[in-house]
Amino acid sequence: MGDLKELPDFDDLVDGIWSSFATAYVPELGPMLAGWKNQIKPGGWIALTEVDDLFGHEPVEPQTGHFLAEYARDALAKNRYDFDCAITLSERASRFLYSR
């Protein structure tokens, strides 16, 4: 087991890193991606996939929708989980990865 935010020091640089449905647990992507970027070869790649609109199923009772929205806001405020991660993932990751 390990921590996504701190990859082990590989003996050699890797061609790429793939992460599926895990970046929502890391609302502050910048520091994590910096560490990942240091582990890949020049010209290497980082692939991030994430679910969009996790609570967007219909029909939902208004009270349930309110509860889910509150839960999502609380999780983000406490830096536990970003339920809207997929919506902004490409922009946030690209801004960080290509600005260096």
PDB file of N, CA and C in Angstrom:
ATOM      1  N   MET A   1       0.838  -1.184   0.000  1.00  0.00           N
ATOM      2  CA  MET A   1       0.000   0.000   0.000  1.00  0.00           C
ATOM      3  C   MET A   1       0.875   1.236   0.000  1.00  0.00           C
ATOM      4  N   GLY A   2       0.298   2.310  -0.482  1.00  0.00           N
ATOM      5  CA  GLY A   2       1.048   3.540  -0.526  1.00  0.00           C
ATOM      6  C   GLY A   2       0.121   4.733  -0.544  1.00  0.00           C
ATOM      7  N   ASP A   3       0.700   5.868  -0.677  1.00  0.00           N
ATOM      8  CA  ASP A   3      -0.031   7.128  -0.705  1.00  0.00           C
ATOM      9  C   ASP A   3       0.102   7.717  -2.101  1.00  0.00           C
ATOM     10  N   LEU A   4      -1.023   7.994  -2.748  1.00  0.00           N
ATOM     11  CA  LEU A   4      -0.992   8.588  -4.084  1.00  0.00           C
ATOM     12  C   LEU A   4      -0.172   9.871  -4.129  1.00  0.00           C
ATOM     13  N   LYS A   5      -0.215  10.610  -3.060  1.00  0.00           N
ATOM     14  CA  LYS A   5       0.468  11.896  -3.035  1.00  0.00           C
ATOM     15  C   LYS A   5       1.984  11.750  -3.028  1.00  0.00           C
ATOM     16  N   GLU A   6       2.466  10.589  -2.596  1.00  0.00           N
ATOM     17  CA  GLU A   6       3.912  10.374  -2.502  1.00  0.00           C
ATOM     18  C   GLU A   6       4.256   9.022  -3.107  1.00  0.00           C
ATOM     19  N   LEU A   7       4.504   8.999  -4.391  1.00  0.00           N
ATOM     20  CA  LEU A   7       4.889   7.752  -5.044  1.00  0.00           C
ATOM     21  C   LEU A   7       6.238   7.291  -4.519  1.00  0.00           C
ATOM     22  N   PRO A   8       6.477   6.000  -4.534  1.00  0.00           N
ATOM     23  CA  PRO A   8       7.808   5.524  -4.130  1.00  0.00           C
ATOM     24  C   PRO A   8       8.848   6.024  -5.133  1.00  0.00           C
ATOM     25  N   ASP A   9      10.066   6.118  -4.701  1.00  0.00           N
ATOM     26  CA  ASP A   9      11.148   6.515  -5.599  1.00  0.00           C
ATOM     27  C   ASP A   9      11.491   5.301  -6.463  1.00  0.00           C
ATOM     28  N   PHE A  10      11.121   5.360  -7.733  1.00  0.00           N
ATOM     29  CA  PHE A  10      11.408   4.256  -8.647  1.00  0.00           C
ATOM     30  C   PHE A  10      12.903   4.234  -8.956  1.00  0.00           C
ATOM     31  N   ASP A  11      13.435   3.056  -9.236  1.00  0.00           N
ATOM     32  CA  ASP A  11      14.851   2.958  -9.596  1.00  0.00           C
ATOM     33  C   ASP A  11      15.147   3.712 -10.881  1.00  0.00           C
ATOM     34  N   ASP A  12      14.213   3.654 -11.820  1.00  0.00           N
ATOM     35  CA  ASP A  12      14.343   4.368 -13.089  1.00  0.00           C
ATOM     36  C   ASP A  12      13.086   5.195 -13.302  1.00  0.00           C
ATOM     37  N   LEU A  13      13.199   6.197 -14.151  1.00  0.00           N
ATOM     38  CA  LEU A  13      12.019   6.964 -14.508  1.00  0.00           C
ATOM     39  C   LEU A  13      11.073   6.085 -15.319  1.00  0.00           C
ATOM     40  N   VAL A  14       9.781   6.322 -15.195  1.00  0.00           N
ATOM     41  CA  VAL A  14       8.780   5.513 -15.891  1.00  0.00           C
ATOM     42  C   VAL A  14       8.269   6.252 -17.119  1.00  0.00           C
ATOM     43  N   ASP A  15       7.674   5.498 -18.052  1.00  0.00           N
ATOM     44  CA  ASP A  15       7.117   6.097 -19.266  1.00  0.00           C
ATOM     45  C   ASP A  15       5.864   6.905 -18.970  1.00  0.00           C
ATOM     46  N   GLY A  16       5.065   6.448 -18.009  1.00  0.00           N
ATOM     47  CA  GLY A  16       3.836   7.147 -17.705  1.00  0.00           C
ATOM     48  C   GLY A  16       3.206   6.667 -16.414  1.00  0.00           C
ATOM     49  N   ILE A  17       2.223   7.423 -15.963  1.00  0.00           N
ATOM     50  CA  ILE A  17       1.479   7.097 -14.747  1.00  0.00           C
ATOM     51  C   ILE A  17      -0.007   7.205 -15.071  1.00  0.00           C
ATOM     52  N   TRP A  18      -0.766   6.175 -14.707  1.00  0.00           N
ATOM     53  CA  TRP A  18      -2.206   6.117 -14.943  1.00  0.00           C
ATOM     54  C   TRP A  18      -2.913   6.122 -13.589  1.00  0.00           C
ATOM     55  N   SER A  19      -3.930   6.971 -13.453  1.00  0.00           N
ATOM     56  CA  SER A  19      -4.721   7.009 -12.224  1.00  0.00           C
ATOM     57  C   SER A  19      -6.195   7.044 -12.597  1.00  0.00           C
ATOM     58  N   SER A  20      -6.934   6.036 -12.164  1.00  0.00           N
ATOM     59  CA  SER A  20      -8.372   5.975 -12.442  1.00  0.00           C
ATOM     60  C   SER A  20      -9.169   6.165 -11.164  1.00  0.00           C
ATOM     61  N   PHE A  21     -10.034   7.149 -11.190  1.00  0.00           N
ATOM     62  CA  PHE A  21     -11.000   7.380 -10.118  1.00  0.00           C
ATOM     63  C   PHE A  21     -10.351   7.544  -8.748  1.00  0.00           C
ATOM     64  N   ALA A  22      -9.231   8.226  -8.707  1.00  0.00           N
ATOM     65  CA  ALA A  22      -8.554   8.451  -7.430  1.00  0.00           C
ATOM     66  C   ALA A  22      -8.244   9.922  -7.174  1.00  0.00           C
ATOM     67  N   THR A  23      -8.176  10.748  -8.209  1.00  0.00           N
ATOM     68  CA  THR A  23      -7.768  12.137  -8.019  1.00  0.00           C
ATOM     69  C   THR A  23      -8.798  12.961  -7.249  1.00  0.00           C
ATOM     70  N   ALA A  24     -10.040  12.521  -7.203  1.00  0.00           N
ATOM     71  CA  ALA A  24     -11.049  13.245  -6.428  1.00  0.00           C
ATOM     72  C   ALA A  24     -10.718  13.220  -4.937  1.00  0.00           C
ATOM     73  N   TYR A  25      -9.906  12.254  -4.516  1.00  0.00           N
ATOM     74  CA  TYR A  25      -9.486  12.193  -3.119  1.00  0.00           C
ATOM     75  C   TYR A  25      -8.380  13.197  -2.812  1.00  0.00           C
ATOM     76  N   VAL A  26      -7.899  13.883  -3.832  1.00  0.00           N
ATOM     77  CA  VAL A  26      -6.800  14.837  -3.670  1.00  0.00           C
ATOM     78  C   VAL A  26      -7.235  16.181  -4.271  1.00  0.00           C
ATOM     79  N   PRO A  27      -8.058  16.951  -3.548  1.00  0.00           N
ATOM     80  CA  PRO A  27      -8.539  18.214  -4.109  1.00  0.00           C
ATOM     81  C   PRO A  27      -7.426  19.182  -4.523  1.00  0.00           C
ATOM     82  N   GLU A  28      -6.274  19.153  -3.846  1.00  0.00           N
ATOM     83  CA  GLU A  28      -5.141  19.990  -4.239  1.00  0.00           C
ATOM     84  C   GLU A  28      -4.185  19.142  -5.079  1.00  0.00           C
ATOM     85  N   LEU A  29      -4.371  19.162  -6.397  1.00  0.00           N
ATOM     86  CA  LEU A  29      -3.596  18.300  -7.290  1.00  0.00           C
ATOM     87  C   LEU A  29      -2.153  18.747  -7.503  1.00  0.00           C
ATOM     88  N   GLY A  30      -1.881  20.026  -7.422  1.00  0.00           N
ATOM     89  CA  GLY A  30      -0.567  20.557  -7.763  1.00  0.00           C
ATOM     90  C   GLY A  30       0.613  19.840  -7.130  1.00  0.00           C
ATOM     91  N   PRO A  31       0.678  19.777  -5.802  1.00  0.00           N
ATOM     92  CA  PRO A  31       1.827  19.103  -5.173  1.00  0.00           C
ATOM     93  C   PRO A  31       1.947  17.630  -5.564  1.00  0.00           C
ATOM     94  N   MET A  32       0.815  16.943  -5.685  1.00  0.00           N
ATOM     95  CA  MET A  32       0.863  15.531  -6.065  1.00  0.00           C
ATOM     96  C   MET A  32       1.409  15.379  -7.483  1.00  0.00           C
ATOM     97  N   LEU A  33       0.902  16.184  -8.408  1.00  0.00           N
ATOM     98  CA  LEU A  33       1.356  16.080  -9.793  1.00  0.00           C
ATOM     99  C   LEU A  33       2.823  16.461  -9.936  1.00  0.00           C
ATOM    100  N   ALA A  34       3.294  17.393  -9.111  1.00  0.00           N
ATOM    101  CA  ALA A  34       4.722  17.756  -9.148  1.00  0.00           C
ATOM    102  C   ALA A  34       5.579  16.547  -8.824  1.00  0.00           C
ATOM    103  N   GLY A  35       5.193  15.809  -7.801  1.00  0.00           N
ATOM    104  CA  GLY A  35       5.931  14.602  -7.446  1.00  0.00           C
ATOM    105  C   GLY A  35       5.853  13.553  -8.537  1.00  0.00           C
ATOM    106  N   TRP A  36       4.674  13.386  -9.103  1.00  0.00           N
ATOM    107  CA  TRP A  36       4.507  12.412 -10.179  1.00  0.00           C
ATOM    108  C   TRP A  36       5.350  12.790 -11.385  1.00  0.00           C
ATOM    109  N   LYS A  37       5.331  14.080 -11.718  1.00  0.00           N
ATOM    110  CA  LYS A  37       6.061  14.549 -12.903  1.00  0.00           C
ATOM    111  C   LYS A  37       7.556  14.272 -12.771  1.00  0.00           C
ATOM    112  N   ASN A  38       8.061  14.316 -11.564  1.00  0.00           N
ATOM    113  CA  ASN A  38       9.481  14.028 -11.324  1.00  0.00           C
ATOM    114  C   ASN A  38       9.824  12.555 -11.487  1.00  0.00           C
ATOM    115  N   GLN A  39       8.817  11.694 -11.577  1.00  0.00           N
ATOM    116  CA  GLN A  39       9.036  10.255 -11.685  1.00  0.00           C
ATOM    117  C   GLN A  39       8.955   9.738 -13.129  1.00  0.00           C
ATOM    118  N   ILE A  40       8.583  10.625 -14.076  1.00  0.00           N
ATOM    119  CA  ILE A  40       8.424  10.153 -15.455  1.00  0.00           C
ATOM    120  C   ILE A  40       9.534  10.679 -16.361  1.00  0.00           C
ATOM    121  N   LYS A  41       9.789   9.925 -17.418  1.00  0.00           N
ATOM    122  CA  LYS A  41      10.800  10.300 -18.408  1.00  0.00           C
ATOM    123  C   LYS A  41      10.367  11.564 -19.148  1.00  0.00           C
ATOM    124  N   PRO A  42      11.322  12.329 -19.680  1.00  0.00           N
ATOM    125  CA  PRO A  42      10.947  13.448 -20.538  1.00  0.00           C
ATOM    126  C   PRO A  42      10.062  12.942 -21.682  1.00  0.00           C
ATOM    127  N   GLY A  43       8.997  13.631 -21.949  1.00  0.00           N
ATOM    128  CA  GLY A  43       8.046  13.207 -22.972  1.00  0.00           C
ATOM    129  C   GLY A  43       7.080  12.152 -22.479  1.00  0.00           C
ATOM    130  N   GLY A  44       7.192  11.780 -21.192  1.00  0.00           N
ATOM    131  CA  GLY A  44       6.288  10.789 -20.609  1.00  0.00           C
ATOM    132  C   GLY A  44       4.890  11.352 -20.434  1.00  0.00           C
ATOM    133  N   TRP A  45       4.020  10.556 -19.871  1.00  0.00           N
ATOM    134  CA  TRP A  45       2.617  10.955 -19.783  1.00  0.00           C
ATOM    135  C   TRP A  45       2.031  10.656 -18.402  1.00  0.00           C
ATOM    136  N   ILE A  46       1.002  11.417 -18.079  1.00  0.00           N
ATOM    137  CA  ILE A  46       0.181  11.183 -16.898  1.00  0.00           C
ATOM    138  C   ILE A  46      -1.257  11.145 -17.382  1.00  0.00           C
ATOM    139  N   ALA A  47      -1.958  10.059 -17.119  1.00  0.00           N
ATOM    140  CA  ALA A  47      -3.368   9.914 -17.515  1.00  0.00           C
ATOM    141  C   ALA A  47      -4.233   9.895 -16.263  1.00  0.00           C
ATOM    142  N   LEU A  48      -5.190  10.799 -16.201  1.00  0.00           N
ATOM    143  CA  LEU A  48      -6.101  10.895 -15.069  1.00  0.00           C
ATOM    144  C   LEU A  48      -7.524  10.717 -15.569  1.00  0.00           C
ATOM    145  N   THR A  49      -8.272   9.799 -14.996  1.00  0.00           N
ATOM    146  CA  THR A  49      -9.685   9.639 -15.327  1.00  0.00           C
ATOM    147  C   THR A  49     -10.488   9.782 -14.042  1.00  0.00           C
ATOM    148  N   GLU A  50     -11.675  10.324 -14.187  1.00  0.00           N
ATOM    149  CA  GLU A  50     -12.506  10.568 -13.017  1.00  0.00           C
ATOM    150  C   GLU A  50     -13.969  10.520 -13.421  1.00  0.00           C
ATOM    151  N   VAL A  51     -14.838  10.183 -12.497  1.00  0.00           N
ATOM    152  CA  VAL A  51     -16.276  10.133 -12.746  1.00  0.00           C
ATOM    153  C   VAL A  51     -16.851  11.551 -12.700  1.00  0.00           C
ATOM    154  N   ASP A  52     -17.864  11.791 -13.499  1.00  0.00           N
ATOM    155  CA  ASP A  52     -18.527  13.096 -13.539  1.00  0.00           C
ATOM    156  C   ASP A  52     -19.970  12.943 -13.049  1.00  0.00           C
ATOM    157  N   ASP A  53     -20.407  13.887 -12.273  1.00  0.00           N
ATOM    158  CA  ASP A  53     -21.802  13.957 -11.824  1.00  0.00           C
ATOM    159  C   ASP A  53     -22.234  12.699 -11.079  1.00  0.00           C
ATOM    160  N   LEU A  54     -21.446  12.321 -10.088  1.00  0.00           N
ATOM    161  CA  LEU A  54     -21.694  11.099  -9.324  1.00  0.00           C
ATOM    162  C   LEU A  54     -23.096  11.056  -8.724  1.00  0.00           C
ATOM    163  N   PHE A  55     -23.585  12.190  -8.265  1.00  0.00           N
ATOM    164  CA  PHE A  55     -24.910  12.232  -7.646  1.00  0.00           C
ATOM    165  C   PHE A  55     -25.987  12.699  -8.621  1.00  0.00           C
ATOM    166  N   GLY A  56     -25.720  12.676  -9.915  1.00  0.00           N
ATOM    167  CA  GLY A  56     -26.650  13.218 -10.900  1.00  0.00           C
ATOM    168  C   GLY A  56     -27.751  12.286 -11.350  1.00  0.00           C
ATOM    169  N   HIS A  57     -28.004  11.236 -10.623  1.00  0.00           N
ATOM    170  CA  HIS A  57     -29.036  10.285 -11.028  1.00  0.00           C
ATOM    171  C   HIS A  57     -30.433  10.850 -10.762  1.00  0.00           C
ATOM    172  N   GLU A  58     -31.339  10.590 -11.643  1.00  0.00           N
ATOM    173  CA  GLU A  58     -32.728  11.052 -11.514  1.00  0.00           C
ATOM    174  C   GLU A  58     -33.651   9.843 -11.520  1.00  0.00           C
ATOM    175  N   PRO A  59     -34.776   9.877 -10.918  1.00  0.00           N
ATOM    176  CA  PRO A  59     -35.273  10.966 -10.073  1.00  0.00           C
ATOM    177  C   PRO A  59     -34.684  10.884  -8.666  1.00  0.00           C
ATOM    178  N   VAL A  60     -34.553  12.033  -8.033  1.00  0.00           N
ATOM    179  CA  VAL A  60     -34.074  12.133  -6.663  1.00  0.00           C
ATOM    180  C   VAL A  60     -35.042  13.044  -5.907  1.00  0.00           C
ATOM    181  N   GLU A  61     -35.455  12.599  -4.759  1.00  0.00           N
ATOM    182  CA  GLU A  61     -36.309  13.424  -3.914  1.00  0.00           C
ATOM    183  C   GLU A  61     -35.567  14.709  -3.560  1.00  0.00           C
ATOM    184  N   PRO A  62     -36.242  15.848  -3.489  1.00  0.00           N
ATOM    185  CA  PRO A  62     -35.574  17.116  -3.153  1.00  0.00           C
ATOM    186  C   PRO A  62     -34.761  17.042  -1.857  1.00  0.00           C
ATOM    187  N   GLN A  63     -35.297  16.392  -0.836  1.00  0.00           N
ATOM    188  CA  GLN A  63     -34.582  16.288   0.434  1.00  0.00           C
ATOM    189  C   GLN A  63     -33.280  15.488   0.260  1.00  0.00           C
ATOM    190  N   THR A  64     -33.322  14.442  -0.538  1.00  0.00           N
ATOM    191  CA  THR A  64     -32.123  13.640  -0.792  1.00  0.00           C
ATOM    192  C   THR A  64     -31.099  14.449  -1.579  1.00  0.00           C
ATOM    193  N   GLY A  65     -31.563  15.189  -2.597  1.00  0.00           N
ATOM    194  CA  GLY A  65     -30.664  16.041  -3.373  1.00  0.00           C
ATOM    195  C   GLY A  65     -29.976  17.076  -2.506  1.00  0.00           C
ATOM    196  N   HIS A  66     -30.719  17.673  -1.581  1.00  0.00           N
ATOM    197  CA  HIS A  66     -30.152  18.662  -0.660  1.00  0.00           C
ATOM    198  C   HIS A  66     -29.096  18.008   0.232  1.00  0.00           C
ATOM    199  N   PHE A  67     -29.407  16.822   0.761  1.00  0.00           N
ATOM    200  CA  PHE A  67     -28.470  16.097   1.615  1.00  0.00           C
ATOM    201  C   PHE A  67     -27.174  15.785   0.869  1.00  0.00           C
ATOM    202  N   LEU A  68     -27.301  15.290  -0.369  1.00  0.00           N
ATOM    203  CA  LEU A  68     -26.116  14.941  -1.159  1.00  0.00           C
ATOM    204  C   LEU A  68     -25.275  16.177  -1.475  1.00  0.00           C
ATOM    205  N   ALA A  69     -25.931  17.283  -1.799  1.00  0.00           N
ATOM    206  CA  ALA A  69     -25.206  18.526  -2.090  1.00  0.00           C
ATOM    207  C   ALA A  69     -24.457  19.012  -0.849  1.00  0.00           C
ATOM    208  N   GLU A  70     -25.094  18.941   0.306  1.00  0.00           N
ATOM    209  CA  GLU A  70     -24.433  19.335   1.559  1.00  0.00           C
ATOM    210  C   GLU A  70     -23.243  18.429   1.865  1.00  0.00           C
ATOM    211  N   TYR A  71     -23.434  17.153   1.651  1.00  0.00           N
ATOM    212  CA  TYR A  71     -22.364  16.185   1.890  1.00  0.00           C
ATOM    213  C   TYR A  71     -21.162  16.489   0.980  1.00  0.00           C
ATOM    214  N   ALA A  72     -21.418  16.778  -0.281  1.00  0.00           N
ATOM    215  CA  ALA A  72     -20.348  17.089  -1.234  1.00  0.00           C
ATOM    216  C   ALA A  72     -19.624  18.373  -0.843  1.00  0.00           C
ATOM    217  N   ARG A  73     -20.364  19.402  -0.437  1.00  0.00           N
ATOM    218  CA  ARG A  73     -19.729  20.661  -0.007  1.00  0.00           C
ATOM    219  C   ARG A  73     -18.855  20.433   1.228  1.00  0.00           C
ATOM    220  N   ASP A  74     -19.359  19.649   2.182  1.00  0.00           N
ATOM    221  CA  ASP A  74     -18.610  19.370   3.401  1.00  0.00           C
ATOM    222  C   ASP A  74     -17.327  18.584   3.093  1.00  0.00           C
ATOM    223  N   ALA A  75     -17.426  17.591   2.227  1.00  0.00           N
ATOM    224  CA  ALA A  75     -16.251  16.783   1.868  1.00  0.00           C
ATOM    225  C   ALA A  75     -15.172  17.655   1.226  1.00  0.00           C
ATOM    226  N   LEU A  76     -15.569  18.576   0.355  1.00  0.00           N
ATOM    227  CA  LEU A  76     -14.603  19.455  -0.293  1.00  0.00           C
ATOM    228  C   LEU A  76     -14.002  20.437   0.712  1.00  0.00           C
ATOM    229  N   ALA A  77     -14.849  21.011   1.561  1.00  0.00           N
ATOM    230  CA  ALA A  77     -14.368  21.973   2.553  1.00  0.00           C
ATOM    231  C   ALA A  77     -13.356  21.341   3.499  1.00  0.00           C
ATOM    232  N   LYS A  78     -13.524  20.064   3.790  1.00  0.00           N
ATOM    233  CA  LYS A  78     -12.612  19.366   4.701  1.00  0.00           C
ATOM    234  C   LYS A  78     -11.490  18.643   3.951  1.00  0.00           C
ATOM    235  N   ASN A  79     -11.389  18.914   2.640  1.00  0.00           N
ATOM    236  CA  ASN A  79     -10.314  18.372   1.801  1.00  0.00           C
ATOM    237  C   ASN A  79     -10.301  16.846   1.773  1.00  0.00           C
ATOM    238  N   ARG A  80     -11.501  16.230   1.855  1.00  0.00           N
ATOM    239  CA  ARG A  80     -11.605  14.772   1.837  1.00  0.00           C
ATOM    240  C   ARG A  80     -11.874  14.225   0.445  1.00  0.00           C
ATOM    241  N   TYR A  81     -12.725  14.936  -0.330  1.00  0.00           N
ATOM    242  CA  TYR A  81     -13.145  14.407  -1.629  1.00  0.00           C
ATOM    243  C   TYR A  81     -13.768  15.543  -2.435  1.00  0.00           C
ATOM    244  N   ASP A  82     -13.465  15.588  -3.727  1.00  0.00           N
ATOM    245  CA  ASP A  82     -14.030  16.598  -4.624  1.00  0.00           C
ATOM    246  C   ASP A  82     -14.980  15.910  -5.593  1.00  0.00           C
ATOM    247  N   PHE A  83     -16.268  15.957  -5.293  1.00  0.00           N
ATOM    248  CA  PHE A  83     -17.263  15.287  -6.127  1.00  0.00           C
ATOM    249  C   PHE A  83     -17.392  15.925  -7.509  1.00  0.00           C
ATOM    250  N   ASP A  84     -16.882  17.137  -7.690  1.00  0.00           N
ATOM    251  CA  ASP A  84     -16.919  17.810  -8.991  1.00  0.00           C
ATOM    252  C   ASP A  84     -15.569  17.765  -9.688  1.00  0.00           C
ATOM    253  N   CYS A  85     -14.696  16.911  -9.244  1.00  0.00           N
ATOM    254  CA  CYS A  85     -13.330  16.828  -9.770  1.00  0.00           C
ATOM    255  C   CYS A  85     -13.291  16.657 -11.283  1.00  0.00           C
ATOM    256  N   ALA A  86     -14.111  15.797 -11.823  1.00  0.00           N
ATOM    257  CA  ALA A  86     -14.053  15.499 -13.256  1.00  0.00           C
ATOM    258  C   ALA A  86     -14.357  16.721 -14.107  1.00  0.00           C
ATOM    259  N   ILE A  87     -15.195  17.594 -13.599  1.00  0.00           N
ATOM    260  CA  ILE A  87     -15.599  18.774 -14.368  1.00  0.00           C
ATOM    261  C   ILE A  87     -14.407  19.686 -14.647  1.00  0.00           C
ATOM    262  N   THR A  88     -13.507  19.812 -13.678  1.00  0.00           N
ATOM    263  CA  THR A  88     -12.377  20.733 -13.818  1.00  0.00           C
ATOM    264  C   THR A  88     -11.027  20.022 -13.918  1.00  0.00           C
ATOM    265  N   LEU A  89     -11.024  18.699 -13.925  1.00  0.00           N
ATOM    266  CA  LEU A  89      -9.767  17.953 -13.884  1.00  0.00           C
ATOM    267  C   LEU A  89      -8.833  18.307 -15.033  1.00  0.00           C
ATOM    268  N   SER A  90      -9.328  18.320 -16.238  1.00  0.00           N
ATOM    269  CA  SER A  90      -8.485  18.595 -17.396  1.00  0.00           C
ATOM    270  C   SER A  90      -7.844  19.973 -17.294  1.00  0.00           C
ATOM    271  N   GLU A  91      -8.644  20.973 -16.947  1.00  0.00           N
ATOM    272  CA  GLU A  91      -8.114  22.334 -16.847  1.00  0.00           C
ATOM    273  C   GLU A  91      -7.082  22.444 -15.734  1.00  0.00           C
ATOM    274  N   ARG A  92      -7.389  21.909 -14.569  1.00  0.00           N
ATOM    275  CA  ARG A  92      -6.465  22.023 -13.434  1.00  0.00           C
ATOM    276  C   ARG A  92      -5.170  21.265 -13.681  1.00  0.00           C
ATOM    277  N   ALA A  93      -5.268  20.060 -14.203  1.00  0.00           N
ATOM    278  CA  ALA A  93      -4.066  19.266 -14.456  1.00  0.00           C
ATOM    279  C   ALA A  93      -3.232  19.896 -15.570  1.00  0.00           C
ATOM    280  N   SER A  94      -3.867  20.309 -16.650  1.00  0.00           N
ATOM    281  CA  SER A  94      -3.141  20.916 -17.771  1.00  0.00           C
ATOM    282  C   SER A  94      -2.444  22.195 -17.345  1.00  0.00           C
ATOM    283  N   ARG A  95      -3.139  23.011 -16.587  1.00  0.00           N
ATOM    284  CA  ARG A  95      -2.549  24.285 -16.136  1.00  0.00           C
ATOM    285  C   ARG A  95      -1.277  24.014 -15.343  1.00  0.00           C
ATOM    286  N   PHE A  96      -1.301  22.995 -14.507  1.00  0.00           N
ATOM    287  CA  PHE A  96      -0.131  22.710 -13.696  1.00  0.00           C
ATOM    288  C   PHE A  96       0.965  22.009 -14.497  1.00  0.00           C
ATOM    289  N   LEU A  97       0.599  20.970 -15.222  1.00  0.00           N
ATOM    290  CA  LEU A  97       1.602  20.170 -15.912  1.00  0.00           C
ATOM    291  C   LEU A  97       2.297  20.908 -17.043  1.00  0.00           C
ATOM    292  N   TYR A  98       1.573  21.756 -17.744  1.00  0.00           N
ATOM    293  CA  TYR A  98       2.165  22.416 -18.908  1.00  0.00           C
ATOM    294  C   TYR A  98       2.724  23.784 -18.599  1.00  0.00           C
ATOM    295  N   SER A  99       2.569  24.252 -17.359  1.00  0.00           N
ATOM    296  CA  SER A  99       3.081  25.573 -17.013  1.00  0.00           C
ATOM    297  C   SER A  99       4.508  25.506 -16.499  1.00  0.00           C
ATOM    298  N   ARG A 100       5.058  24.321 -16.367  1.00  0.00           N
ATOM    299  CA  ARG A 100       6.412  24.176 -15.793  1.00  0.00           C
ATOM    300  C   ARG A 100       7.411  23.816 -16.852  1.00  0.00           C
TER     301      ARG A 100
END
